[in-house]
PDB file of N, CA and C in Angstrom:
ATOM      1  N   MET A   1       0.246  34.237 -23.644  1.00  0.00           N
ATOM      2  CA  MET A   1       0.246  33.336 -23.284  1.00  0.00           C
ATOM      3  C   MET A   1       1.268  33.064 -21.689  1.00  0.00           C
ATOM      4  N   LEU A   2       1.804  34.026 -21.146  1.00  0.00           N
ATOM      5  CA  LEU A   2       2.586  33.508 -20.127  1.00  0.00           C
ATOM      6  C   LEU A   2       1.151  33.838 -18.729  1.00  0.00           C
ATOM      7  N   ASN A   3      -0.020  34.955 -18.710  1.00  0.00           N
ATOM      8  CA  ASN A   3      -0.917  35.176 -18.058  1.00  0.00           C
ATOM      9  C   ASN A   3      -1.635  33.044 -18.329  1.00  0.00           C
ATOM     10  N   LEU A   4      -2.060  32.430 -19.258  1.00  0.00           N
ATOM     11  CA  LEU A   4      -2.987  31.348 -19.403  1.00  0.00           C
ATOM     12  C   LEU A   4      -1.731  30.557 -18.573  1.00  0.00           C
ATOM     13  N   LEU A   5      -1.119  30.134 -18.905  1.00  0.00           N
ATOM     14  CA  LEU A   5      -0.043  29.622 -18.599  1.00  0.00           C
ATOM     15  C   LEU A   5       0.011  30.309 -16.792  1.00  0.00           C
ATOM     16  N   ASN A   6      -0.114  30.846 -16.369  1.00  0.00           N
ATOM     17  CA  ASN A   6       0.101  31.227 -14.986  1.00  0.00           C
ATOM     18  C   ASN A   6      -1.321  30.508 -14.432  1.00  0.00           C
ATOM     19  N   ASN A   7      -2.620  31.018 -15.108  1.00  0.00           N
ATOM     20  CA  ASN A   7      -3.653  30.711 -15.080  1.00  0.00           C
ATOM     21  C   ASN A   7      -4.245  28.885 -14.708  1.00  0.00           C
ATOM     22  N   VAL A   8      -3.225  28.305 -15.389  1.00  0.00           N
ATOM     23  CA  VAL A   8      -2.759  26.477 -15.726  1.00  0.00           C
ATOM     24  C   VAL A   8      -2.278  26.369 -14.143  1.00  0.00           C
ATOM     25  N   GLN A   9      -1.240  26.654 -14.122  1.00  0.00           N
ATOM     26  CA  GLN A   9      -0.664  26.499 -13.237  1.00  0.00           C
ATOM     27  C   GLN A   9      -1.043  26.591 -11.099  1.00  0.00           C
ATOM     28  N   LEU A  10      -2.146  27.678 -11.704  1.00  0.00           N
ATOM     29  CA  LEU A  10      -2.735  28.142 -10.325  1.00  0.00           C
ATOM     30  C   LEU A  10      -4.270  27.025 -10.402  1.00  0.00           C
ATOM     31  N   ILE A  11      -4.546  26.788 -11.433  1.00  0.00           N
ATOM     32  CA  ILE A  11      -5.795  25.273 -11.296  1.00  0.00           C
ATOM     33  C   ILE A  11      -5.236  24.421 -11.152  1.00  0.00           C
ATOM     34  N   LEU A  12      -3.739  24.282 -11.439  1.00  0.00           N
ATOM     35  CA  LEU A  12      -3.312  22.695 -10.933  1.00  0.00           C
ATOM     36  C   LEU A  12      -3.151  22.475  -9.394  1.00  0.00           C
ATOM     37  N   MET A  13      -2.514  24.348  -8.448  1.00  0.00           N
ATOM     38  CA  MET A  13      -1.946  23.787  -7.372  1.00  0.00           C
ATOM     39  C   MET A  13      -3.219  23.932  -6.536  1.00  0.00           C
ATOM     40  N   ALA A  14      -4.578  24.494  -7.175  1.00  0.00           N
ATOM     41  CA  ALA A  14      -5.929  24.146  -6.696  1.00  0.00           C
ATOM     42  C   ALA A  14      -5.883  23.333  -6.343  1.00  0.00           C
ATOM     43  N   GLU A  15      -6.107  22.250  -6.829  1.00  0.00           N
ATOM     44  CA  GLU A  15      -6.374  20.837  -6.949  1.00  0.00           C
ATOM     45  C   GLU A  15      -5.453  20.460  -5.992  1.00  0.00           C
ATOM     46  N   LYS A  16      -4.254  20.503  -6.070  1.00  0.00           N
ATOM     47  CA  LYS A  16      -3.544  19.926  -4.673  1.00  0.00           C
ATOM     48  C   LYS A  16      -3.072  20.231  -3.358  1.00  0.00           C
ATOM     49  N   LEU A  17      -2.819  19.508  -2.548  1.00  0.00           N
ATOM     50  CA  LEU A  17      -3.060  19.606  -0.706  1.00  0.00           C
ATOM     51  C   LEU A  17      -1.636  19.726  -0.759  1.00  0.00           C
ATOM     52  N   LYS A  18      -1.048  20.475   0.435  1.00  0.00           N
ATOM     53  CA  LYS A  18      -0.360  20.466   0.691  1.00  0.00           C
ATOM     54  C   LYS A  18       0.264  20.428   2.443  1.00  0.00           C
ATOM     55  N   ILE A  19       0.315  19.100   3.004  1.00  0.00           N
ATOM     56  CA  ILE A  19       0.376  18.124   4.153  1.00  0.00           C
ATOM     57  C   ILE A  19       1.959  17.885   4.598  1.00  0.00           C
ATOM     58  N   LYS A  20       2.115  17.666   5.688  1.00  0.00           N
ATOM     59  CA  LYS A  20       3.622  17.220   6.716  1.00  0.00           C
ATOM     60  C   LYS A  20       3.797  16.316   6.879  1.00  0.00           C
ATOM     61  N   LEU A  21       3.969  15.281   6.473  1.00  0.00           N
ATOM     62  CA  LEU A  21       4.260  13.989   7.685  1.00  0.00           C
ATOM     63  C   LEU A  21       5.828  13.996   8.620  1.00  0.00           C
ATOM     64  N   SER A  22       5.308  13.296   9.287  1.00  0.00           N
ATOM     65  CA  SER A  22       6.424  13.587  10.637  1.00  0.00           C
ATOM     66  C   SER A  22       6.615  11.835  10.502  1.00  0.00           C
ATOM     67  N   ILE A  23       7.841  11.282   9.570  1.00  0.00           N
ATOM     68  CA  ILE A  23       8.536  10.012   9.920  1.00  0.00           C
ATOM     69  C   ILE A  23       9.895   9.935  10.257  1.00  0.00           C
ATOM     70  N   ALA A  24      10.265   9.158  11.658  1.00  0.00           N
ATOM     71  CA  ALA A  24      10.852   9.034  12.096  1.00  0.00           C
ATOM     72  C   ALA A  24      12.379  10.105  12.032  1.00  0.00           C
ATOM     73  N   ASP A  25      11.037  11.666  13.185  1.00  0.00           N
ATOM     74  CA  ASP A  25      12.152  12.641  13.563  1.00  0.00           C
ATOM     75  C   ASP A  25      11.933  13.105  12.667  1.00  0.00           C
ATOM     76  N   ARG A  26      11.739  13.365  11.306  1.00  0.00           N
ATOM     77  CA  ARG A  26      12.052  13.829  10.276  1.00  0.00           C
ATOM     78  C   ARG A  26      11.078  14.238   9.403  1.00  0.00           C
ATOM     79  N   VAL A  27      10.231  15.717   9.020  1.00  0.00           N
ATOM     80  CA  VAL A  27       9.377  16.163   8.573  1.00  0.00           C
ATOM     81  C   VAL A  27       9.476  16.100   7.084  1.00  0.00           C
ATOM     82  N   TYR A  28       8.289  15.671   6.418  1.00  0.00           N
ATOM     83  CA  TYR A  28       8.353  15.258   4.616  1.00  0.00           C
ATOM     84  C   TYR A  28       7.054  16.100   4.465  1.00  0.00           C
ATOM     85  N   PRO A  29       7.597  17.829   3.559  1.00  0.00           N
ATOM     86  CA  PRO A  29       6.383  18.046   3.291  1.00  0.00           C
ATOM     87  C   PRO A  29       6.194  17.493   1.682  1.00  0.00           C
ATOM     88  N   LEU A  30       4.903  17.501   1.347  1.00  0.00           N
ATOM     89  CA  LEU A  30       4.500  17.123   0.559  1.00  0.00           C
ATOM     90  C   LEU A  30       3.490  17.663  -0.408  1.00  0.00           C
ATOM     91  N   THR A  31       3.220  17.825  -1.823  1.00  0.00           N
ATOM     92  CA  THR A  31       2.129  18.277  -2.685  1.00  0.00           C
ATOM     93  C   THR A  31       1.784  17.043  -2.229  1.00  0.00           C
ATOM     94  N   ILE A  32      -0.007  16.847  -2.490  1.00  0.00           N
ATOM     95  CA  ILE A  32      -0.578  15.838  -2.987  1.00  0.00           C
ATOM     96  C   ILE A  32      -2.122  16.308  -3.334  1.00  0.00           C
ATOM     97  N   ASP A  33      -2.800  14.914  -3.942  1.00  0.00           N
ATOM     98  CA  ASP A  33      -3.935  14.860  -4.321  1.00  0.00           C
ATOM     99  C   ASP A  33      -4.591  14.699  -3.033  1.00  0.00           C
ATOM    100  N   PRO A  34      -5.865  15.514  -2.224  1.00  0.00           N
ATOM    101  CA  PRO A  34      -7.096  15.615  -1.380  1.00  0.00           C
ATOM    102  C   PRO A  34      -7.573  14.194  -1.100  1.00  0.00           C
ATOM    103  N   SER A  35      -7.356  13.136  -2.275  1.00  0.00           N
ATOM    104  CA  SER A  35      -7.829  11.532  -2.563  1.00  0.00           C
ATOM    105  C   SER A  35      -6.912  10.581  -1.576  1.00  0.00           C
ATOM    106  N   GLN A  36      -5.258  11.244  -1.541  1.00  0.00           N
ATOM    107  CA  GLN A  36      -4.886  10.441  -1.305  1.00  0.00           C
ATOM    108  C   GLN A  36      -4.130  11.393   0.456  1.00  0.00           C
ATOM    109  N   GLU A  37      -4.649  11.958   0.952  1.00  0.00           N
ATOM    110  CA  GLU A  37      -4.522  12.326   1.866  1.00  0.00           C
ATOM    111  C   GLU A  37      -4.884  10.864   4.006  1.00  0.00           C
ATOM    112  N   GLU A  38      -5.684  11.072   3.847  1.00  0.00           N
ATOM    113  CA  GLU A  38      -5.714  10.025   4.597  1.00  0.00           C
ATOM    114  C   GLU A  38      -5.078   8.734   4.610  1.00  0.00           C
ATOM    115  N   GLY A  39      -5.196   7.687   3.222  1.00  0.00           N
ATOM    116  CA  GLY A  39      -3.419   6.667   2.907  1.00  0.00           C
ATOM    117  C   GLY A  39      -2.309   7.063   3.367  1.00  0.00           C
ATOM    118  N   LEU A  40      -1.801   8.447   3.103  1.00  0.00           N
ATOM    119  CA  LEU A  40      -0.812   9.363   3.726  1.00  0.00           C
ATOM    120  C   LEU A  40      -0.581   8.842   5.605  1.00  0.00           C
ATOM    121  N   ARG A  41      -1.434   9.503   5.748  1.00  0.00           N
ATOM    122  CA  ARG A  41      -1.251  10.106   7.098  1.00  0.00           C
ATOM    123  C   ARG A  41      -1.328   8.569   7.886  1.00  0.00           C
ATOM    124  N   LYS A  42      -2.084   7.271   7.409  1.00  0.00           N
ATOM    125  CA  LYS A  42      -2.325   6.997   8.057  1.00  0.00           C
ATOM    126  C   LYS A  42      -0.883   5.823   8.134  1.00  0.00           C
ATOM    127  N   ALA A  43      -0.331   5.526   6.491  1.00  0.00           N
ATOM    128  CA  ALA A  43       0.977   4.945   6.529  1.00  0.00           C
ATOM    129  C   ALA A  43       1.846   5.524   7.567  1.00  0.00           C
ATOM    130  N   ALA A  44       2.009   6.781   7.461  1.00  0.00           N
ATOM    131  CA  ALA A  44       3.016   7.196   8.019  1.00  0.00           C
ATOM    132  C   ALA A  44       2.556   7.577   9.394  1.00  0.00           C
ATOM    133  N   LYS A  45       1.528   6.679   9.851  1.00  0.00           N
ATOM    134  CA  LYS A  45       1.553   6.536  11.598  1.00  0.00           C
ATOM    135  C   LYS A  45       1.787   4.980  11.582  1.00  0.00           C
ATOM    136  N   ASN A  46       1.474   4.211  10.878  1.00  0.00           N
ATOM    137  CA  ASN A  46       2.005   2.574  10.566  1.00  0.00           C
ATOM    138  C   ASN A  46       3.375   3.354  11.109  1.00  0.00           C
ATOM    139  N   ILE A  47       3.742   3.454  10.476  1.00  0.00           N
ATOM    140  CA  ILE A  47       5.484   3.069  10.251  1.00  0.00           C
ATOM    141  C   ILE A  47       6.274   3.897  11.261  1.00  0.00           C
ATOM    142  N   GLU A  48       5.051   5.192  11.678  1.00  0.00           N
ATOM    143  CA  GLU A  48       6.080   5.667  13.443  1.00  0.00           C
ATOM    144  C   GLU A  48       5.829   4.776  14.458  1.00  0.00           C
ATOM    145  N   GLN A  49       4.414   4.056  14.298  1.00  0.00           N
ATOM    146  CA  GLN A  49       4.108   2.660  15.549  1.00  0.00           C
ATOM    147  C   GLN A  49       5.003   1.525  15.244  1.00  0.00           C
ATOM    148  N   LEU A  50       5.032   0.940  14.307  1.00  0.00           N
ATOM    149  CA  LEU A  50       5.838   0.064  14.372  1.00  0.00           C
ATOM    150  C   LEU A  50       7.472   0.584  14.490  1.00  0.00           C
ATOM    151  N   ALA A  51       8.246   1.213  13.724  1.00  0.00           N
ATOM    152  CA  ALA A  51       9.347   2.291  13.975  1.00  0.00           C
ATOM    153  C   ALA A  51       9.375   2.329  15.643  1.00  0.00           C
ATOM    154  N   LYS A  52       8.722   2.672  16.374  1.00  0.00           N
ATOM    155  CA  LYS A  52       8.793   2.583  18.014  1.00  0.00           C
ATOM    156  C   LYS A  52       8.462   1.658  18.239  1.00  0.00           C
ATOM    157  N   LYS A  53       7.614   0.810  18.014  1.00  0.00           N
ATOM    158  CA  LYS A  53       7.902  -0.822  19.007  1.00  0.00           C
ATOM    159  C   LYS A  53       9.450  -1.590  17.985  1.00  0.00           C
ATOM    160  N   PHE A  54      10.379  -0.891  16.629  1.00  0.00           N
ATOM    161  CA  PHE A  54      11.373  -1.744  16.892  1.00  0.00           C
ATOM    162  C   PHE A  54      12.386  -1.170  17.821  1.00  0.00           C
ATOM    163  N   GLU A  55      12.533   0.044  18.094  1.00  0.00           N
ATOM    164  CA  GLU A  55      13.464   0.967  18.715  1.00  0.00           C
ATOM    165  C   GLU A  55      13.207  -0.144  20.411  1.00  0.00           C
ATOM    166  N   GLN A  56      11.954  -0.365  20.980  1.00  0.00           N
ATOM    167  CA  GLN A  56      11.834  -0.486  22.437  1.00  0.00           C
ATOM    168  C   GLN A  56      12.356  -2.478  22.321  1.00  0.00           C
ATOM    169  N   ASN A  57      12.118  -2.943  20.933  1.00  0.00           N
ATOM    170  CA  ASN A  57      12.255  -4.678  21.550  1.00  0.00           C
ATOM    171  C   ASN A  57      13.673  -4.552  21.013  1.00  0.00           C
ATOM    172  N   TYR A  58      14.597  -4.075  20.332  1.00  0.00           N
ATOM    173  CA  TYR A  58      15.738  -4.111  19.806  1.00  0.00           C
ATOM    174  C   TYR A  58      16.538  -3.051  20.049  1.00  0.00           C
ATOM    175  N   ALA A  59      17.754  -3.784  20.213  1.00  0.00           N
ATOM    176  CA  ALA A  59      19.110  -2.634  20.436  1.00  0.00           C
ATOM    177  C   ALA A  59      19.601  -1.717  19.254  1.00  0.00           C
ATOM    178  N   VAL A  60      18.125  -0.572  18.523  1.00  0.00           N
ATOM    179  CA  VAL A  60      18.715   0.001  17.594  1.00  0.00           C
ATOM    180  C   VAL A  60      18.717   1.340  17.457  1.00  0.00           C
ATOM    181  N   ARG A  61      20.140   1.864  17.336  1.00  0.00           N
ATOM    182  CA  ARG A  61      20.786   2.922  17.571  1.00  0.00           C
ATOM    183  C   ARG A  61      20.465   3.840  16.160  1.00  0.00           C
ATOM    184  N   ASP A  62      20.244   3.339  14.826  1.00  0.00           N
ATOM    185  CA  ASP A  62      20.424   4.028  13.720  1.00  0.00           C
ATOM    186  C   ASP A  62      19.220   3.916  13.289  1.00  0.00           C
ATOM    187  N   LYS A  63      18.007   5.216  12.758  1.00  0.00           N
ATOM    188  CA  LYS A  63      16.841   5.354  12.434  1.00  0.00           C
ATOM    189  C   LYS A  63      16.777   4.676  11.050  1.00  0.00           C
ATOM    190  N   GLN A  64      18.183   5.030  10.479  1.00  0.00           N
ATOM    191  CA  GLN A  64      18.298   3.792   8.743  1.00  0.00           C
ATOM    192  C   GLN A  64      17.874   2.771   9.599  1.00  0.00           C
ATOM    193  N   ASP A  65      18.115   1.601  10.706  1.00  0.00           N
ATOM    194  CA  ASP A  65      18.733   0.698  10.309  1.00  0.00           C
ATOM    195  C   ASP A  65      16.956   0.084  10.822  1.00  0.00           C
ATOM    196  N   VAL A  66      15.911   0.566  11.870  1.00  0.00           N
ATOM    197  CA  VAL A  66      14.509   0.490  11.837  1.00  0.00           C
ATOM    198  C   VAL A  66      13.949   0.953  10.522  1.00  0.00           C
ATOM    199  N   LEU A  67      13.824   1.874  10.065  1.00  0.00           N
ATOM    200  CA  LEU A  67      13.348   2.695   8.882  1.00  0.00           C
ATOM    201  C   LEU A  67      13.639   0.758   7.402  1.00  0.00           C
ATOM    202  N   ALA A  68      14.587   1.129   7.640  1.00  0.00           N
ATOM    203  CA  ALA A  68      15.098  -0.571   7.045  1.00  0.00           C
ATOM    204  C   ALA A  68      14.053  -1.833   7.358  1.00  0.00           C
ATOM    205  N   MET A  69      14.266  -1.546   8.476  1.00  0.00           N
ATOM    206  CA  MET A  69      13.296  -2.768   8.704  1.00  0.00           C
ATOM    207  C   MET A  69      11.879  -2.837   9.370  1.00  0.00           C
ATOM    208  N   CYS A  70      11.676  -1.226   8.936  1.00  0.00           N
ATOM    209  CA  CYS A  70       9.850  -1.405   8.727  1.00  0.00           C
ATOM    210  C   CYS A  70       9.660  -1.275   7.572  1.00  0.00           C
ATOM    211  N   ALA A  71      10.938  -1.578   6.001  1.00  0.00           N
ATOM    212  CA  ALA A  71      10.261  -1.017   5.219  1.00  0.00           C
ATOM    213  C   ALA A  71      10.053  -2.631   4.473  1.00  0.00           C
ATOM    214  N   LEU A  72      10.875  -3.813   5.032  1.00  0.00           N
ATOM    215  CA  LEU A  72      11.130  -4.995   4.836  1.00  0.00           C
ATOM    216  C   LEU A  72       9.619  -5.363   5.181  1.00  0.00           C
ATOM    217  N   GLN A  73       8.850  -5.124   6.675  1.00  0.00           N
ATOM    218  CA  GLN A  73       8.229  -5.637   7.154  1.00  0.00           C
ATOM    219  C   GLN A  73       6.988  -5.323   6.068  1.00  0.00           C
ATOM    220  N   PHE A  74       6.836  -4.483   5.810  1.00  0.00           N
ATOM    221  CA  PHE A  74       5.811  -3.845   5.169  1.00  0.00           C
ATOM    222  C   PHE A  74       5.755  -4.174   3.724  1.00  0.00           C
ATOM    223  N   ALA A  75       6.454  -4.474   2.933  1.00  0.00           N
ATOM    224  CA  ALA A  75       7.113  -4.962   2.065  1.00  0.00           C
ATOM    225  C   ALA A  75       6.713  -7.017   1.525  1.00  0.00           C
ATOM    226  N   SER A  76       7.353  -7.591   3.340  1.00  0.00           N
ATOM    227  CA  SER A  76       7.088  -9.011   2.667  1.00  0.00           C
ATOM    228  C   SER A  76       5.292  -8.873   3.489  1.00  0.00           C
ATOM    229  N   LYS A  77       4.910  -8.494   3.815  1.00  0.00           N
ATOM    230  CA  LYS A  77       3.401  -7.963   4.434  1.00  0.00           C
ATOM    231  C   LYS A  77       2.442  -8.271   2.633  1.00  0.00           C
ATOM    232  N   ILE A  78       3.149  -6.841   1.986  1.00  0.00           N
ATOM    233  CA  ILE A  78       2.362  -7.061   0.703  1.00  0.00           C
ATOM    234  C   ILE A  78       2.090  -7.931  -0.681  1.00  0.00           C
ATOM    235  N   GLU A  79       3.960  -8.993  -0.355  1.00  0.00           N
ATOM    236  CA  GLU A  79       4.835 -10.045  -1.103  1.00  0.00           C
ATOM    237  C   GLU A  79       3.414 -11.164  -0.091  1.00  0.00           C
ATOM    238  N   GLN A  80       3.723 -11.368   1.341  1.00  0.00           N
ATOM    239  CA  GLN A  80       2.380 -12.069   1.714  1.00  0.00           C
ATOM    240  C   GLN A  80       1.110 -12.556   1.448  1.00  0.00           C
ATOM    241  N   LYS A  81       0.545 -11.266   0.885  1.00  0.00           N
ATOM    242  CA  LYS A  81      -0.474 -11.168   0.095  1.00  0.00           C
ATOM    243  C   LYS A  81      -1.370 -11.177  -1.463  1.00  0.00           C
ATOM    244  N   SER A  82       0.119 -11.798  -1.328  1.00  0.00           N
ATOM    245  CA  SER A  82       0.314 -11.866  -3.210  1.00  0.00           C
ATOM    246  C   SER A  82       0.445 -13.274  -3.363  1.00  0.00           C
ATOM    247  N   ILE A  83       1.117 -13.399  -2.400  1.00  0.00           N
ATOM    248  CA  ILE A  83       1.366 -15.765  -3.121  1.00  0.00           C
ATOM    249  C   ILE A  83      -0.344 -16.129  -2.571  1.00  0.00           C
ATOM    250  N   ASP A  84      -0.421 -15.123  -1.103  1.00  0.00           N
ATOM    251  CA  ASP A  84      -2.043 -16.235  -0.890  1.00  0.00           C
ATOM    252  C   ASP A  84      -2.882 -16.383  -1.562  1.00  0.00           C
ATOM    253  N   LYS A  85      -2.988 -15.052  -2.683  1.00  0.00           N
ATOM    254  CA  LYS A  85      -4.383 -14.460  -3.390  1.00  0.00           C
ATOM    255  C   LYS A  85      -3.979 -15.095  -4.713  1.00  0.00           C
ATOM    256  N   GLN A  86      -2.667 -15.625  -5.394  1.00  0.00           N
ATOM    257  CA  GLN A  86      -2.419 -16.927  -6.085  1.00  0.00           C
ATOM    258  C   GLN A  86      -2.449 -18.756  -5.608  1.00  0.00           C
ATOM    259  N   GLU A  87      -2.614 -18.054  -4.253  1.00  0.00           N
ATOM    260  CA  GLU A  87      -2.867 -19.960  -3.966  1.00  0.00           C
ATOM    261  C   GLU A  87      -4.211 -19.817  -3.611  1.00  0.00           C
ATOM    262  N   ASP A  88      -4.679 -19.229  -3.194  1.00  0.00           N
ATOM    263  CA  ASP A  88      -7.025 -18.722  -2.974  1.00  0.00           C
ATOM    264  C   ASP A  88      -7.155 -18.639  -4.414  1.00  0.00           C
ATOM    265  N   THR A  89      -6.959 -18.684  -5.823  1.00  0.00           N
ATOM    266  CA  THR A  89      -7.085 -18.524  -6.801  1.00  0.00           C
ATOM    267  C   THR A  89      -6.633 -20.086  -7.284  1.00  0.00           C
ATOM    268  N   SER A  90      -5.887 -20.799  -7.475  1.00  0.00           N
ATOM    269  CA  SER A  90      -5.228 -21.894  -7.734  1.00  0.00           C
ATOM    270  C   SER A  90      -6.535 -22.919  -6.946  1.00  0.00           C
ATOM    271  N   GLU A  91      -6.883 -22.520  -5.891  1.00  0.00           N
ATOM    272  CA  GLU A  91      -8.012 -23.665  -5.260  1.00  0.00           C
ATOM    273  C   GLU A  91      -9.487 -22.913  -5.517  1.00  0.00           C
ATOM    274  N   VAL A  92      -9.372 -21.810  -6.088  1.00  0.00           N
ATOM    275  CA  VAL A  92     -11.173 -22.211  -7.276  1.00  0.00           C
ATOM    276  C   VAL A  92     -10.951 -22.583  -8.310  1.00  0.00           C
ATOM    277  N   THR A  93      -9.667 -22.265  -9.252  1.00  0.00           N
ATOM    278  CA  THR A  93      -9.323 -23.067 -10.335  1.00  0.00           C
ATOM    279  C   THR A  93      -9.740 -24.478  -9.944  1.00  0.00           C
ATOM    280  N   GLU A  94      -9.323 -24.962  -9.561  1.00  0.00           N
ATOM    281  CA  GLU A  94      -9.670 -26.274  -9.445  1.00  0.00           C
ATOM    282  C   GLU A  94     -10.637 -26.974  -8.499  1.00  0.00           C
ATOM    283  N   ARG A  95     -12.254 -26.085  -7.842  1.00  0.00           N
ATOM    284  CA  ARG A  95     -12.854 -26.463  -7.272  1.00  0.00           C
ATOM    285  C   ARG A  95     -13.667 -25.935  -8.582  1.00  0.00           C
ATOM    286  N   LEU A  96     -13.527 -24.947  -9.401  1.00  0.00           N
ATOM    287  CA  LEU A  96     -14.446 -24.599 -10.494  1.00  0.00           C
ATOM    288  C   LEU A  96     -14.088 -25.926 -11.796  1.00  0.00           C
ATOM    289  N   LYS A  97     -12.973 -26.195 -11.712  1.00  0.00           N
ATOM    290  CA  LYS A  97     -12.930 -27.578 -13.039  1.00  0.00           C
ATOM    291  C   LYS A  97     -13.614 -28.373 -12.339  1.00  0.00           C
ATOM    292  N   ALA A  98     -13.543 -28.682 -11.121  1.00  0.00           N
ATOM    293  CA  ALA A  98     -14.220 -30.223 -10.878  1.00  0.00           C
ATOM    294  C   ALA A  98     -15.700 -30.000 -10.870  1.00  0.00           C
ATOM    295  N   LEU A  99     -15.942 -28.786 -10.174  1.00  0.00           N
ATOM    296  CA  LEU A  99     -17.715 -28.748 -10.778  1.00  0.00           C
ATOM    297  C   LEU A  99     -18.268 -28.505 -12.327  1.00  0.00           C
ATOM    298  N   GLU A 100     -17.132 -28.561 -12.911  1.00  0.00           N
ATOM    299  CA  GLU A 100     -17.732 -28.480 -14.057  1.00  0.00           C
ATOM    300  C   GLU A 100     -17.366 -29.880 -15.059  1.00  0.00           C
ATOM    301  N   GLN A 101     -16.832 -30.841 -14.348  1.00  0.00           N
ATOM    302  CA  GLN A 101     -16.311 -31.985 -14.904  1.00  0.00           C
ATOM    303  C   GLN A 101     -17.695 -32.772 -14.443  1.00  0.00           C
ATOM    304  N   ILE A 102     -18.042 -32.321 -13.031  1.00  0.00           N
ATOM    305  CA  ILE A 102     -19.588 -33.238 -12.347  1.00  0.00           C
ATOM    306  C   ILE A 102     -20.984 -33.027 -13.160  1.00  0.00           C
ATOM    307  N   VAL A 103     -20.673 -31.189 -13.560  1.00  0.00           N
ATOM    308  CA  VAL A 103     -22.031 -31.121 -14.652  1.00  0.00           C
ATOM    309  C   VAL A 103     -21.488 -31.432 -16.173  1.00  0.00           C
ATOM    310  N   ASP A 104     -20.763 -31.403 -16.965  1.00  0.00           N
ATOM    311  CA  ASP A 104     -20.295 -32.337 -17.585  1.00  0.00           C
ATOM    312  C   ASP A 104     -20.832 -34.072 -17.630  1.00  0.00           C
ATOM    313  N   SER A 105     -20.568 -34.915 -16.537  1.00  0.00           N
ATOM    314  CA  SER A 105     -20.945 -36.025 -16.503  1.00  0.00           C
ATOM    315  C   SER A 105     -21.905 -36.119 -16.174  1.00  0.00           C
ATOM    316  N   LYS A 106     -22.851 -35.138 -15.978  1.00  0.00           N
ATOM    317  CA  LYS A 106     -24.756 -35.265 -15.465  1.00  0.00           C
ATOM    318  C   LYS A 106     -25.275 -35.272 -17.224  1.00  0.00           C
ATOM    319  N   LEU A 107     -24.541 -34.359 -17.667  1.00  0.00           N
ATOM    320  CA  LEU A 107     -25.410 -33.839 -19.527  1.00  0.00           C
ATOM    321  C   LEU A 107     -25.284 -34.207 -19.973  1.00  0.00           C
ATOM    322  N   SER A 108     -23.682 -35.505 -20.007  1.00  0.00           N
ATOM    323  CA  SER A 108     -23.725 -36.651 -20.484  1.00  0.00           C
ATOM    324  C   SER A 108     -24.681 -37.829 -20.559  1.00  0.00           C
ATOM    325  N   ILE A 109     -25.240 -37.245 -19.478  1.00  0.00           N
ATOM    326  CA  ILE A 109     -26.601 -38.638 -19.193  1.00  0.00           C
ATOM    327  C   ILE A 109     -27.602 -38.845 -19.789  1.00  0.00           C
ATOM    328  N   ILE A 110     -27.633 -37.245 -19.885  1.00  0.00           N
ATOM    329  CA  ILE A 110     -29.310 -36.635 -20.352  1.00  0.00           C
ATOM    330  C   ILE A 110     -29.047 -36.966 -21.685  1.00  0.00           C
TER     331      ILE A 110
END
């Protein structure tokens, strides 16, 4: 039974990828699915770039403050996209209702 358990663990580990990401002068070792690698590396790169921008433009000494500002920036972008999507959906719904009324009025003539 122990042998079977070890084999299952080896199979699961074979499907995972070990990477290291550097964010704010710290290295974070991660075990991930290979499909996640590109997204995680891009995200880490974006965080690093934004952190450098904040450090250059503002008198920020503490890395925690810089990372908090980065988190707020990224979270606000996600929230704004959600708001924009809701507004787009409302606009499309209104247009569809208007088209439906036009079609209904034309069909009632026939």
